[in-house]
C-alpha cells in the first residue's frame, strides 16, 4: 500500500477510531511505558501510518499472530483498516496486556485475543505452533532473533512480515531464515517523513525443527 492510500485510511476513513486509539495510548503512557513517541502527529505518523502501509501484504481473512505487541503495533492499526483479519497478540508484560485488552474493547475490535506469555514458550504449545497464516512484529529484535520467535508459529505456506527500520537485515539473518524453515520472498523499502522503512516478507517453506525456539534467552544471547 502506498503512503497516499495509508494516509486516506488513517486521517479520513478511519479517523474516529485512530483518534480514540491515540487518546487511549497517551492516557496509558502516563502510567506505563508503552512508547517514547508522545505527540499526536508523531503517533499518527510513526505508529499508525507506519503500521498501515503493510496492510496489503496480509491475505484475505488471514489468521495472524503478533509477537511482542507492546502498544499494539502493527496489529491494531492493521485490524482497524482490515477487519477481515484475526489477530492473536502475544505480550509477556502484564500491564501492557491490560492496555491491549482495553484498547481492543474500546475500539470495538472483534477476533482479537491478547495472550500474556513469552513467544518462545507459547510456540511450543501444539495449539499455537505452525497454526497461523501470518506472523508479524515491529521493533522487537534483530531479524535473526525475530525469526526464531515468529517462524515457529507460521504454518507451511504462510509468511512472516517484519517491520524494520533503515537497515535491511536479510543478509545477517539468512542462516536463521533457512534453518527455521523460511525463505526470504521480498523486501519492500519506502522513504517517509520519519525515515526509511523496510517490510521483510519471509515465506514458510518447511516445518520449523522441534529444537526451535530454544528458550531460556538463547534466542538473544546466541542468535542463529
N, C-alpha and C. Protein backbone atom coordinates (compact mmCIF):
# COMPACT_ATOMS: atom_id res chain seq x y z
N UNK A 1 0.85 -1.20 0.00
CA UNK A 1 0.00 0.00 0.00
C UNK A 1 0.89 1.25 0.00
N UNK A 2 0.59 2.19 -0.88
CA UNK A 2 1.39 3.42 -0.88
C UNK A 2 0.96 4.34 0.26
N UNK A 3 1.81 5.31 0.55
CA UNK A 3 1.54 6.19 1.69
C UNK A 3 0.30 7.05 1.47
N UNK A 4 0.02 7.39 0.23
CA UNK A 4 -1.17 8.19 -0.05
C UNK A 4 -2.43 7.46 0.41
N UNK A 5 -2.54 6.20 0.06
CA UNK A 5 -3.70 5.41 0.47
C UNK A 5 -3.71 5.20 1.98
N UNK A 6 -2.54 4.96 2.56
CA UNK A 6 -2.46 4.79 4.02
C UNK A 6 -2.93 6.05 4.73
N UNK A 7 -2.56 7.21 4.22
CA UNK A 7 -2.99 8.47 4.82
C UNK A 7 -4.50 8.64 4.74
N UNK A 8 -5.08 8.26 3.61
CA UNK A 8 -6.53 8.36 3.46
C UNK A 8 -7.25 7.52 4.51
N UNK A 9 -6.73 6.33 4.75
CA UNK A 9 -7.36 5.45 5.74
C UNK A 9 -7.22 6.00 7.15
N UNK A 10 -6.02 6.45 7.49
CA UNK A 10 -5.74 6.88 8.86
C UNK A 10 -6.36 8.24 9.17
N UNK A 11 -6.24 9.19 8.24
CA UNK A 11 -6.66 10.57 8.51
C UNK A 11 -8.08 10.88 8.05
N UNK A 12 -8.71 9.98 7.30
CA UNK A 12 -10.05 10.26 6.79
C UNK A 12 -11.03 9.13 7.11
N UNK A 13 -10.89 8.01 6.43
CA UNK A 13 -11.90 6.95 6.52
C UNK A 13 -12.03 6.34 7.92
N UNK A 14 -10.93 6.16 8.59
CA UNK A 14 -10.94 5.52 9.92
C UNK A 14 -10.49 6.48 11.02
N UNK A 15 -10.56 7.76 10.75
CA UNK A 15 -10.05 8.75 11.70
C UNK A 15 -10.65 8.65 13.10
N UNK A 16 -11.98 8.48 13.27
CA UNK A 16 -12.52 8.41 14.64
C UNK A 16 -11.88 7.31 15.49
N UNK A 17 -11.66 6.13 14.91
CA UNK A 17 -11.04 5.04 15.66
C UNK A 17 -9.59 5.35 15.98
N UNK A 18 -8.88 5.94 15.02
CA UNK A 18 -7.47 6.26 15.27
C UNK A 18 -7.34 7.38 16.31
N UNK A 19 -8.26 8.33 16.31
CA UNK A 19 -8.24 9.38 17.34
C UNK A 19 -8.47 8.75 18.72
N UNK A 20 -9.41 7.83 18.80
CA UNK A 20 -9.70 7.16 20.06
C UNK A 20 -8.49 6.34 20.54
N UNK A 21 -7.89 5.64 19.61
CA UNK A 21 -6.70 4.84 19.92
C UNK A 21 -5.57 5.73 20.41
N UNK A 22 -5.35 6.86 19.73
CA UNK A 22 -4.29 7.80 20.12
C UNK A 22 -4.53 8.33 21.53
N UNK A 23 -5.75 8.69 21.85
CA UNK A 23 -6.07 9.22 23.18
C UNK A 23 -5.82 8.18 24.26
N UNK A 24 -6.24 6.95 23.99
CA UNK A 24 -6.04 5.88 24.97
C UNK A 24 -4.56 5.59 25.16
N UNK A 25 -3.82 5.58 24.08
CA UNK A 25 -2.38 5.34 24.15
C UNK A 25 -1.68 6.40 24.99
N UNK A 26 -2.03 7.64 24.75
CA UNK A 26 -1.40 8.74 25.51
C UNK A 26 -1.80 8.70 26.98
N UNK A 27 -3.04 8.31 27.25
CA UNK A 27 -3.51 8.20 28.63
C UNK A 27 -2.74 7.11 29.38
N UNK A 28 -2.64 5.93 28.78
CA UNK A 28 -1.95 4.82 29.43
C UNK A 28 -0.45 5.04 29.50
N UNK A 29 0.08 5.82 28.57
CA UNK A 29 1.51 6.06 28.54
C UNK A 29 1.98 6.86 29.75
N UNK A 30 1.04 7.53 30.41
CA UNK A 30 1.38 8.24 31.64
C UNK A 30 1.58 7.27 32.80
N UNK A 31 1.03 6.05 32.67
CA UNK A 31 1.11 5.07 33.75
C UNK A 31 2.17 4.01 33.47
N UNK A 32 2.25 3.56 32.24
CA UNK A 32 3.22 2.53 31.87
C UNK A 32 3.93 2.95 30.59
N UNK A 33 5.14 2.48 30.41
CA UNK A 33 5.94 2.88 29.26
C UNK A 33 5.56 2.06 28.03
N UNK A 34 4.64 2.60 27.24
CA UNK A 34 4.22 1.93 26.01
C UNK A 34 5.01 2.41 24.80
N UNK A 35 5.34 3.70 24.79
CA UNK A 35 6.05 4.28 23.66
C UNK A 35 6.75 5.57 24.08
N UNK A 36 7.90 5.83 23.44
CA UNK A 36 8.60 7.09 23.67
C UNK A 36 8.04 8.19 22.77
N UNK A 37 7.19 7.81 21.84
CA UNK A 37 6.56 8.75 20.92
C UNK A 37 5.27 9.26 21.57
N UNK A 38 5.17 10.57 21.77
CA UNK A 38 4.10 11.07 22.63
C UNK A 38 3.15 12.07 21.97
N UNK A 39 3.57 12.82 20.96
CA UNK A 39 2.68 13.81 20.37
C UNK A 39 1.70 13.13 19.41
N UNK A 40 0.56 13.77 19.22
CA UNK A 40 -0.46 13.20 18.35
C UNK A 40 0.08 12.96 16.96
N UNK A 41 0.73 13.97 16.37
CA UNK A 41 1.19 13.82 14.99
C UNK A 41 2.25 12.74 14.86
N UNK A 42 3.15 12.65 15.82
CA UNK A 42 4.16 11.59 15.77
C UNK A 42 3.53 10.21 15.91
N UNK A 43 2.52 10.09 16.77
CA UNK A 43 1.83 8.81 16.94
C UNK A 43 1.13 8.43 15.63
N UNK A 44 0.48 9.39 14.99
CA UNK A 44 -0.21 9.10 13.75
C UNK A 44 0.76 8.69 12.65
N UNK A 45 1.90 9.36 12.57
CA UNK A 45 2.86 9.02 11.51
C UNK A 45 3.69 7.79 11.85
N UNK A 46 4.38 7.84 13.00
CA UNK A 46 5.38 6.82 13.31
C UNK A 46 4.81 5.51 13.82
N UNK A 47 3.55 5.54 14.26
CA UNK A 47 2.90 4.30 14.68
C UNK A 47 1.78 3.88 13.73
N UNK A 48 0.83 4.77 13.49
CA UNK A 48 -0.34 4.38 12.71
C UNK A 48 -0.03 4.21 11.22
N UNK A 49 0.51 5.25 10.59
CA UNK A 49 0.86 5.13 9.18
C UNK A 49 1.91 4.05 8.95
N UNK A 50 2.87 4.00 9.84
CA UNK A 50 3.96 3.02 9.72
C UNK A 50 3.43 1.60 9.77
N UNK A 51 2.35 1.38 10.51
CA UNK A 51 1.73 0.06 10.58
C UNK A 51 0.87 -0.24 9.36
N UNK A 52 0.09 0.75 8.94
CA UNK A 52 -0.92 0.54 7.91
C UNK A 52 -0.33 0.32 6.52
N UNK A 53 0.86 0.85 6.25
CA UNK A 53 1.38 0.73 4.88
C UNK A 53 1.68 -0.71 4.48
N UNK A 54 1.72 -1.63 5.44
CA UNK A 54 1.90 -3.04 5.12
C UNK A 54 0.61 -3.83 5.01
N UNK A 55 -0.53 -3.15 5.05
CA UNK A 55 -1.83 -3.85 5.15
C UNK A 55 -2.12 -4.77 3.97
N UNK A 56 -1.68 -4.42 2.78
CA UNK A 56 -1.99 -5.23 1.60
C UNK A 56 -1.22 -6.55 1.55
N UNK A 57 -0.26 -6.74 2.42
CA UNK A 57 0.57 -7.95 2.39
C UNK A 57 -0.11 -9.14 3.07
N UNK A 58 -1.18 -8.88 3.79
CA UNK A 58 -1.89 -9.95 4.50
C UNK A 58 -3.05 -10.46 3.65
N UNK A 59 -3.12 -11.77 3.50
CA UNK A 59 -4.16 -12.37 2.67
C UNK A 59 -5.54 -12.17 3.28
N UNK A 60 -6.54 -12.20 2.46
CA UNK A 60 -7.93 -12.02 2.90
C UNK A 60 -8.28 -13.04 3.99
N UNK A 61 -8.79 -12.56 5.13
CA UNK A 61 -9.22 -13.42 6.22
C UNK A 61 -8.10 -14.13 6.96
N UNK A 62 -6.87 -13.64 6.83
CA UNK A 62 -5.72 -14.32 7.44
C UNK A 62 -5.82 -14.36 8.97
N UNK A 63 -5.39 -15.48 9.53
CA UNK A 63 -5.28 -15.65 10.97
C UNK A 63 -3.84 -15.30 11.35
N UNK A 64 -3.67 -14.21 12.08
CA UNK A 64 -2.34 -13.64 12.30
C UNK A 64 -1.94 -13.67 13.77
N UNK A 65 -0.64 -13.76 14.01
CA UNK A 65 -0.10 -13.64 15.35
C UNK A 65 0.92 -12.50 15.35
N UNK A 66 0.89 -11.71 16.40
CA UNK A 66 1.87 -10.64 16.56
C UNK A 66 2.72 -10.95 17.79
N UNK A 67 4.02 -10.84 17.64
CA UNK A 67 4.95 -11.14 18.71
C UNK A 67 5.47 -9.85 19.33
N UNK A 68 5.41 -9.76 20.67
CA UNK A 68 5.88 -8.56 21.36
C UNK A 68 5.02 -7.36 21.04
N UNK A 69 3.72 -7.46 21.32
CA UNK A 69 2.76 -6.45 20.86
C UNK A 69 2.99 -5.06 21.45
N UNK A 70 3.39 -4.96 22.70
CA UNK A 70 3.63 -3.65 23.30
C UNK A 70 2.39 -2.78 23.27
N UNK A 71 2.47 -1.68 22.50
CA UNK A 71 1.33 -0.77 22.37
C UNK A 71 0.35 -1.17 21.29
N UNK A 72 0.61 -2.32 20.62
CA UNK A 72 -0.33 -2.82 19.62
C UNK A 72 0.03 -2.48 18.19
N UNK A 73 1.33 -2.37 17.92
CA UNK A 73 1.76 -2.02 16.56
C UNK A 73 2.59 -3.15 15.96
N UNK A 74 2.26 -3.59 14.75
CA UNK A 74 1.29 -3.01 13.81
C UNK A 74 -0.13 -3.58 13.91
N UNK A 75 -0.38 -4.51 14.82
CA UNK A 75 -1.62 -5.29 14.79
C UNK A 75 -2.91 -4.46 14.84
N UNK A 76 -3.02 -3.56 15.81
CA UNK A 76 -4.30 -2.86 15.97
C UNK A 76 -4.59 -1.87 14.84
N UNK A 77 -3.61 -1.08 14.37
CA UNK A 77 -3.89 -0.27 13.17
C UNK A 77 -4.27 -1.14 11.96
N UNK A 78 -3.59 -2.28 11.80
CA UNK A 78 -3.95 -3.18 10.71
C UNK A 78 -5.39 -3.68 10.85
N UNK A 79 -5.77 -4.03 12.07
CA UNK A 79 -7.12 -4.52 12.31
C UNK A 79 -8.17 -3.44 12.04
N UNK A 80 -7.85 -2.21 12.36
CA UNK A 80 -8.79 -1.11 12.12
C UNK A 80 -9.08 -0.96 10.63
N UNK A 81 -8.05 -1.11 9.80
CA UNK A 81 -8.25 -0.91 8.35
C UNK A 81 -8.55 -2.22 7.61
N UNK A 82 -8.30 -3.37 8.28
CA UNK A 82 -8.55 -4.68 7.67
C UNK A 82 -9.32 -5.55 8.66
N UNK A 83 -10.61 -5.29 8.78
CA UNK A 83 -11.42 -6.01 9.77
C UNK A 83 -11.54 -7.49 9.46
N UNK A 84 -11.21 -7.91 8.23
CA UNK A 84 -11.27 -9.32 7.88
C UNK A 84 -10.19 -10.14 8.57
N UNK A 85 -9.14 -9.50 9.05
CA UNK A 85 -8.04 -10.21 9.69
C UNK A 85 -8.38 -10.59 11.13
N UNK A 86 -7.83 -11.71 11.59
CA UNK A 86 -7.91 -12.11 13.00
C UNK A 86 -6.52 -12.01 13.60
N UNK A 87 -6.44 -11.61 14.86
CA UNK A 87 -5.13 -11.42 15.48
C UNK A 87 -5.06 -12.07 16.86
N UNK A 88 -3.91 -12.70 17.12
CA UNK A 88 -3.52 -13.12 18.46
C UNK A 88 -2.31 -12.28 18.83
N UNK A 89 -2.45 -11.50 19.89
CA UNK A 89 -1.38 -10.61 20.33
C UNK A 89 -0.64 -11.26 21.49
N UNK A 90 0.66 -11.50 21.31
CA UNK A 90 1.48 -12.15 22.32
C UNK A 90 2.37 -11.11 22.98
N UNK A 91 2.16 -10.92 24.28
CA UNK A 91 2.91 -9.91 25.04
C UNK A 91 3.20 -10.46 26.43
N UNK A 92 4.46 -10.40 26.85
CA UNK A 92 4.85 -11.02 28.12
C UNK A 92 4.66 -10.10 29.33
N UNK A 93 4.49 -8.80 29.11
CA UNK A 93 4.36 -7.84 30.21
C UNK A 93 2.89 -7.65 30.57
N UNK A 94 2.53 -7.97 31.80
CA UNK A 94 1.14 -7.95 32.22
C UNK A 94 0.44 -6.61 32.03
N UNK A 95 1.09 -5.51 32.39
CA UNK A 95 0.46 -4.19 32.28
C UNK A 95 0.21 -3.80 30.83
N UNK A 96 1.10 -4.25 29.94
CA UNK A 96 0.88 -3.98 28.52
C UNK A 96 -0.29 -4.80 28.00
N UNK A 97 -0.44 -6.01 28.52
CA UNK A 97 -1.61 -6.83 28.16
C UNK A 97 -2.90 -6.16 28.59
N UNK A 98 -2.89 -5.55 29.76
CA UNK A 98 -4.07 -4.83 30.23
C UNK A 98 -4.44 -3.70 29.28
N UNK A 99 -3.43 -2.95 28.83
CA UNK A 99 -3.68 -1.87 27.88
C UNK A 99 -4.26 -2.43 26.58
N UNK A 100 -3.65 -3.49 26.06
CA UNK A 100 -4.11 -4.06 24.79
C UNK A 100 -5.55 -4.53 24.88
N UNK A 101 -5.91 -5.17 25.98
CA UNK A 101 -7.30 -5.62 26.14
C UNK A 101 -8.26 -4.44 26.21
N UNK A 102 -7.83 -3.39 26.89
CA UNK A 102 -8.67 -2.19 26.98
C UNK A 102 -8.83 -1.55 25.61
N UNK A 103 -7.75 -1.49 24.86
CA UNK A 103 -7.80 -0.89 23.52
C UNK A 103 -8.73 -1.69 22.60
N UNK A 104 -8.60 -3.01 22.64
CA UNK A 104 -9.46 -3.87 21.81
C UNK A 104 -10.92 -3.65 22.16
N UNK A 105 -11.22 -3.56 23.45
CA UNK A 105 -12.59 -3.36 23.90
C UNK A 105 -13.11 -1.97 23.50
N UNK A 106 -12.32 -0.93 23.78
CA UNK A 106 -12.75 0.43 23.49
C UNK A 106 -12.94 0.69 21.99
N UNK A 107 -12.10 0.05 21.18
CA UNK A 107 -12.17 0.27 19.73
C UNK A 107 -13.20 -0.64 19.06
N UNK A 108 -13.80 -1.54 19.83
CA UNK A 108 -14.82 -2.41 19.30
C UNK A 108 -14.31 -3.41 18.28
N UNK A 109 -13.10 -3.93 18.52
CA UNK A 109 -12.49 -4.85 17.57
C UNK A 109 -12.86 -6.29 17.89
N UNK A 110 -13.27 -7.03 16.89
CA UNK A 110 -13.61 -8.44 17.06
C UNK A 110 -12.49 -9.33 16.56
N UNK A 111 -12.50 -10.58 17.01
CA UNK A 111 -11.50 -11.57 16.59
C UNK A 111 -10.07 -11.09 16.86
N UNK A 112 -9.89 -10.52 18.05
CA UNK A 112 -8.56 -10.15 18.54
C UNK A 112 -8.44 -10.67 19.96
N UNK A 113 -7.45 -11.50 20.23
CA UNK A 113 -7.22 -12.00 21.58
C UNK A 113 -5.81 -11.63 22.03
N UNK A 114 -5.67 -11.37 23.32
CA UNK A 114 -4.40 -10.99 23.90
C UNK A 114 -3.95 -12.10 24.83
N UNK A 115 -2.73 -12.58 24.65
CA UNK A 115 -2.20 -13.66 25.47
C UNK A 115 -0.94 -13.18 26.18
N UNK A 116 -0.96 -13.26 27.50
CA UNK A 116 0.19 -12.87 28.29
C UNK A 116 1.14 -14.04 28.47
N UNK A 117 2.13 -14.11 27.60
CA UNK A 117 3.09 -15.21 27.66
C UNK A 117 4.31 -14.83 26.84
N UNK A 118 5.37 -15.60 26.96
CA UNK A 118 6.56 -15.39 26.16
C UNK A 118 6.43 -16.18 24.86
N UNK A 119 6.88 -15.59 23.78
CA UNK A 119 6.75 -16.25 22.47
C UNK A 119 7.45 -17.59 22.44
N UNK A 120 8.63 -17.67 23.06
CA UNK A 120 9.41 -18.90 23.00
C UNK A 120 8.76 -20.04 23.79
N UNK A 121 7.87 -19.69 24.72
CA UNK A 121 7.10 -20.70 25.46
C UNK A 121 5.85 -21.10 24.69
N UNK A 122 5.13 -20.11 24.22
CA UNK A 122 3.86 -20.36 23.52
C UNK A 122 4.08 -21.12 22.21
N UNK A 123 5.21 -20.89 21.57
CA UNK A 123 5.48 -21.54 20.28
C UNK A 123 5.65 -23.04 20.40
N UNK A 124 5.81 -23.55 21.61
CA UNK A 124 5.93 -24.99 21.82
C UNK A 124 4.58 -25.65 22.15
N UNK A 125 3.55 -24.83 22.26
CA UNK A 125 2.20 -25.32 22.52
C UNK A 125 1.58 -25.76 21.20
N UNK A 126 1.08 -26.99 21.15
CA UNK A 126 0.53 -27.53 19.91
C UNK A 126 -0.66 -26.72 19.39
N UNK A 127 -1.34 -26.00 20.27
CA UNK A 127 -2.48 -25.18 19.85
C UNK A 127 -2.05 -23.93 19.08
N UNK A 128 -0.76 -23.59 19.17
CA UNK A 128 -0.26 -22.38 18.53
C UNK A 128 0.84 -22.64 17.50
N UNK A 129 1.58 -23.71 17.68
CA UNK A 129 2.72 -23.95 16.79
C UNK A 129 2.26 -24.26 15.36
N UNK A 130 2.81 -23.52 14.43
CA UNK A 130 2.55 -23.69 13.00
C UNK A 130 1.06 -23.73 12.66
N UNK A 131 0.31 -22.82 13.30
CA UNK A 131 -1.14 -22.76 13.06
C UNK A 131 -1.57 -21.45 12.41
N UNK A 132 -0.68 -20.48 12.26
CA UNK A 132 -1.07 -19.15 11.78
C UNK A 132 -0.70 -18.94 10.31
N UNK A 133 -1.54 -18.16 9.64
CA UNK A 133 -1.27 -17.80 8.25
C UNK A 133 -0.14 -16.78 8.15
N UNK A 134 -0.02 -15.95 9.17
CA UNK A 134 1.00 -14.91 9.14
C UNK A 134 1.43 -14.55 10.56
N UNK A 135 2.70 -14.22 10.70
CA UNK A 135 3.24 -13.68 11.95
C UNK A 135 3.85 -12.33 11.64
N UNK A 136 3.69 -11.39 12.55
CA UNK A 136 4.26 -10.07 12.33
C UNK A 136 4.82 -9.53 13.63
N UNK A 137 5.73 -8.57 13.50
CA UNK A 137 6.35 -7.92 14.66
C UNK A 137 7.00 -6.63 14.21
N UNK A 138 7.13 -5.72 15.15
CA UNK A 138 7.72 -4.42 14.84
C UNK A 138 8.52 -3.96 16.05
N UNK A 139 9.77 -3.57 15.81
CA UNK A 139 10.63 -3.01 16.86
C UNK A 139 10.79 -3.95 18.04
N UNK A 140 11.01 -5.23 17.77
CA UNK A 140 11.14 -6.22 18.83
C UNK A 140 12.58 -6.70 18.98
N UNK A 141 13.22 -7.06 17.87
CA UNK A 141 14.56 -7.65 17.93
C UNK A 141 15.17 -7.64 16.54
N UNK A 142 16.50 -7.86 16.44
CA UNK A 142 17.12 -8.03 15.12
C UNK A 142 16.45 -9.18 14.38
N UNK A 143 16.51 -9.16 13.05
CA UNK A 143 15.76 -10.11 12.25
C UNK A 143 16.12 -11.56 12.53
N UNK A 144 17.40 -11.86 12.76
CA UNK A 144 17.77 -13.26 13.03
C UNK A 144 17.16 -13.77 14.33
N UNK A 145 17.03 -12.89 15.30
CA UNK A 145 16.38 -13.24 16.57
C UNK A 145 14.87 -13.33 16.36
N UNK A 146 14.34 -12.37 15.64
CA UNK A 146 12.90 -12.30 15.42
C UNK A 146 12.38 -13.53 14.69
N UNK A 147 13.17 -14.05 13.77
CA UNK A 147 12.75 -15.25 13.03
C UNK A 147 12.53 -16.43 13.97
N UNK A 148 13.39 -16.55 14.99
CA UNK A 148 13.24 -17.66 15.92
C UNK A 148 12.00 -17.50 16.79
N UNK A 149 11.61 -16.27 17.04
CA UNK A 149 10.38 -16.02 17.77
C UNK A 149 9.13 -16.25 16.91
N UNK A 150 9.19 -15.84 15.63
CA UNK A 150 8.00 -15.80 14.79
C UNK A 150 7.75 -17.05 13.95
N UNK A 151 8.76 -17.55 13.27
CA UNK A 151 8.54 -18.62 12.30
C UNK A 151 7.95 -19.90 12.88
N UNK A 152 8.24 -20.27 14.14
CA UNK A 152 7.60 -21.48 14.68
C UNK A 152 6.07 -21.39 14.74
N UNK A 153 5.52 -20.18 14.73
CA UNK A 153 4.07 -20.01 14.77
C UNK A 153 3.40 -20.15 13.40
N UNK A 154 4.18 -20.04 12.34
CA UNK A 154 3.62 -19.93 10.99
C UNK A 154 3.48 -21.31 10.34
N UNK A 155 2.33 -21.56 9.74
CA UNK A 155 2.12 -22.82 9.01
C UNK A 155 2.98 -22.81 7.75
N UNK A 156 3.29 -24.00 7.25
CA UNK A 156 3.99 -24.09 5.98
C UNK A 156 3.08 -23.51 4.89
N UNK A 157 3.62 -22.61 4.11
CA UNK A 157 2.84 -21.89 3.11
C UNK A 157 2.46 -20.49 3.56
N UNK A 158 2.50 -20.25 4.86
CA UNK A 158 2.22 -18.92 5.40
C UNK A 158 3.44 -18.02 5.31
N UNK A 159 3.39 -16.88 6.00
CA UNK A 159 4.53 -15.97 5.91
C UNK A 159 4.70 -15.15 7.18
N UNK A 160 5.92 -14.66 7.30
CA UNK A 160 6.29 -13.74 8.37
C UNK A 160 6.51 -12.37 7.73
N UNK A 161 5.96 -11.34 8.35
CA UNK A 161 6.10 -9.97 7.85
C UNK A 161 6.73 -9.13 8.95
N UNK A 162 7.98 -8.74 8.74
CA UNK A 162 8.73 -8.00 9.75
C UNK A 162 8.82 -6.53 9.37
N UNK A 163 8.40 -5.68 10.27
CA UNK A 163 8.53 -4.23 10.09
C UNK A 163 9.88 -3.80 10.66
N UNK A 164 10.74 -3.24 9.79
CA UNK A 164 12.08 -2.87 10.21
C UNK A 164 12.38 -1.43 9.83
N UNK A 165 13.44 -0.90 10.40
CA UNK A 165 13.82 0.49 10.18
C UNK A 165 14.68 0.69 8.95
N UNK A 166 15.74 1.48 9.09
CA UNK A 166 16.54 1.87 7.94
C UNK A 166 17.35 0.73 7.36
N UNK A 167 17.78 -0.21 8.18
CA UNK A 167 18.67 -1.26 7.71
C UNK A 167 17.90 -2.47 7.18
N UNK A 168 18.37 -3.01 6.05
CA UNK A 168 17.87 -4.28 5.55
C UNK A 168 18.73 -5.38 6.19
N UNK A 169 18.12 -6.19 7.06
CA UNK A 169 18.86 -7.16 7.87
C UNK A 169 18.85 -8.57 7.29
N UNK A 170 18.44 -8.71 6.03
CA UNK A 170 18.25 -10.05 5.48
C UNK A 170 19.55 -10.85 5.36
N UNK A 171 20.66 -10.18 5.05
CA UNK A 171 21.93 -10.92 4.91
C UNK A 171 22.35 -11.54 6.23
N UNK A 172 22.27 -10.76 7.31
CA UNK A 172 22.66 -11.26 8.62
C UNK A 172 21.73 -12.37 9.11
N UNK A 173 20.50 -12.37 8.62
CA UNK A 173 19.51 -13.34 9.08
C UNK A 173 19.36 -14.54 8.15
N UNK A 174 20.13 -14.59 7.08
CA UNK A 174 19.95 -15.63 6.06
C UNK A 174 20.02 -17.04 6.65
N UNK A 175 20.99 -17.30 7.51
CA UNK A 175 21.14 -18.64 8.10
C UNK A 175 19.93 -18.98 8.96
N UNK A 176 19.49 -18.03 9.78
CA UNK A 176 18.35 -18.27 10.66
C UNK A 176 17.09 -18.54 9.84
N UNK A 177 16.87 -17.78 8.80
CA UNK A 177 15.69 -17.95 7.96
C UNK A 177 15.63 -19.37 7.41
N UNK A 178 16.74 -19.82 6.84
CA UNK A 178 16.78 -21.16 6.24
C UNK A 178 16.62 -22.25 7.29
N UNK A 179 17.33 -22.12 8.40
CA UNK A 179 17.31 -23.13 9.45
C UNK A 179 15.92 -23.30 10.04
N UNK A 180 15.15 -22.23 10.10
CA UNK A 180 13.83 -22.25 10.73
C UNK A 180 12.71 -22.56 9.75
N UNK A 181 13.06 -22.85 8.50
CA UNK A 181 12.05 -23.26 7.53
C UNK A 181 11.53 -22.15 6.65
N UNK A 182 12.25 -21.03 6.60
CA UNK A 182 11.77 -19.90 5.82
C UNK A 182 12.58 -19.64 4.56
N UNK A 183 12.05 -18.74 3.73
CA UNK A 183 12.74 -18.28 2.54
C UNK A 183 12.35 -16.82 2.32
N UNK A 184 13.34 -15.94 2.26
CA UNK A 184 13.03 -14.52 2.06
C UNK A 184 12.41 -14.32 0.68
N UNK A 185 11.21 -13.79 0.67
CA UNK A 185 10.44 -13.66 -0.56
C UNK A 185 10.55 -12.26 -1.16
N UNK A 186 10.59 -11.26 -0.31
CA UNK A 186 10.64 -9.89 -0.82
C UNK A 186 11.07 -8.94 0.30
N UNK A 187 11.67 -7.82 -0.09
CA UNK A 187 11.99 -6.75 0.85
C UNK A 187 11.46 -5.45 0.23
N UNK A 188 10.51 -4.82 0.90
CA UNK A 188 9.93 -3.57 0.42
C UNK A 188 10.56 -2.41 1.17
N UNK A 189 10.89 -1.37 0.45
CA UNK A 189 11.53 -0.20 1.05
C UNK A 189 10.70 1.03 0.70
N UNK A 190 10.57 1.91 1.67
CA UNK A 190 9.82 3.14 1.44
C UNK A 190 10.49 4.28 2.18
N UNK A 191 10.50 5.47 1.55
CA UNK A 191 11.03 6.67 2.18
C UNK A 191 9.85 7.47 2.74
N UNK A 192 9.90 7.79 4.02
CA UNK A 192 8.82 8.52 4.67
C UNK A 192 9.35 9.77 5.34
N UNK A 193 8.43 10.58 5.85
CA UNK A 193 8.83 11.78 6.59
C UNK A 193 9.56 11.43 7.88
N UNK A 194 9.38 10.18 8.34
CA UNK A 194 10.01 9.76 9.60
C UNK A 194 11.16 8.77 9.37
N UNK A 195 11.66 8.70 8.13
CA UNK A 195 12.82 7.87 7.84
C UNK A 195 12.56 6.75 6.86
N UNK A 196 13.60 6.00 6.57
CA UNK A 196 13.50 4.86 5.67
C UNK A 196 12.92 3.67 6.41
N UNK A 197 11.97 2.99 5.79
CA UNK A 197 11.34 1.84 6.42
C UNK A 197 11.41 0.64 5.49
N UNK A 198 11.48 -0.55 6.08
CA UNK A 198 11.50 -1.79 5.31
C UNK A 198 10.41 -2.73 5.81
N UNK A 199 9.84 -3.50 4.89
CA UNK A 199 8.99 -4.62 5.22
C UNK A 199 9.66 -5.86 4.63
N UNK A 200 9.97 -6.82 5.48
CA UNK A 200 10.64 -8.03 5.04
C UNK A 200 9.65 -9.18 5.08
N UNK A 201 9.43 -9.79 3.92
CA UNK A 201 8.45 -10.88 3.81
C UNK A 201 9.20 -12.20 3.68
N UNK A 202 8.96 -13.11 4.61
CA UNK A 202 9.60 -14.42 4.62
C UNK A 202 8.53 -15.50 4.51
N UNK A 203 8.62 -16.30 3.47
CA UNK A 203 7.66 -17.37 3.25
C UNK A 203 8.09 -18.61 4.04
N UNK A 204 7.13 -19.29 4.67
CA UNK A 204 7.41 -20.53 5.39
C UNK A 204 7.34 -21.68 4.38
N UNK A 205 8.49 -22.30 4.08
CA UNK A 205 8.55 -23.33 3.05
C UNK A 205 8.78 -24.73 3.62
N UNK A 206 9.11 -24.82 4.91
CA UNK A 206 9.35 -26.12 5.54
C UNK A 206 9.03 -26.01 7.02
N UNK A 207 8.79 -27.15 7.66
CA UNK A 207 8.49 -27.14 9.09
C UNK A 207 9.70 -26.66 9.89
N UNK A 208 9.42 -25.91 10.95
CA UNK A 208 10.49 -25.49 11.86
C UNK A 208 10.93 -26.70 12.69
N UNK A 209 12.24 -26.99 12.75
CA UNK A 209 12.71 -28.12 13.57
C UNK A 209 12.24 -27.99 15.02
N UNK A 210 12.00 -29.12 15.65
CA UNK A 210 11.44 -29.16 17.00
C UNK A 210 12.33 -28.47 18.03
N UNK A 211 13.60 -28.32 17.75
CA UNK A 211 14.54 -27.72 18.70
C UNK A 211 14.33 -26.21 18.86
N UNK A 212 13.55 -25.62 17.97
CA UNK A 212 13.38 -24.15 17.98
C UNK A 212 11.93 -23.77 18.26
N UNK A 213 11.74 -22.68 19.01
CA UNK A 213 12.73 -21.79 19.61
C UNK A 213 13.43 -22.44 20.80
N UNK A 214 14.65 -22.01 21.06
CA UNK A 214 15.46 -22.68 22.09
C UNK A 214 15.06 -22.32 23.51
N UNK A 215 14.56 -21.10 23.73
CA UNK A 215 14.14 -20.68 25.07
C UNK A 215 15.29 -20.30 25.97
N UNK A 216 14.96 -19.92 27.21
CA UNK A 216 15.94 -19.51 28.22
C UNK A 216 16.84 -18.37 27.74
N UNK A 217 16.30 -17.52 26.88
CA UNK A 217 17.04 -16.36 26.42
C UNK A 217 18.10 -16.62 25.37
N UNK A 218 18.21 -17.87 24.92
CA UNK A 218 19.26 -18.20 23.95
C UNK A 218 19.04 -17.51 22.61
N UNK A 219 17.78 -17.19 22.29
CA UNK A 219 17.49 -16.52 21.02
C UNK A 219 18.24 -15.20 20.91
N UNK A 220 18.32 -14.47 22.03
CA UNK A 220 19.01 -13.18 22.03
C UNK A 220 20.50 -13.31 22.36
N UNK A 221 20.82 -14.23 23.28
CA UNK A 221 22.22 -14.36 23.70
C UNK A 221 23.10 -14.98 22.63
N UNK A 222 22.55 -15.96 21.91
CA UNK A 222 23.30 -16.65 20.86
C UNK A 222 22.43 -16.73 19.60
N UNK A 223 22.29 -15.62 18.88
CA UNK A 223 21.43 -15.62 17.70
C UNK A 223 21.90 -16.62 16.64
N UNK A 224 20.97 -17.18 15.92
CA UNK A 224 21.30 -18.14 14.87
C UNK A 224 22.05 -17.45 13.73
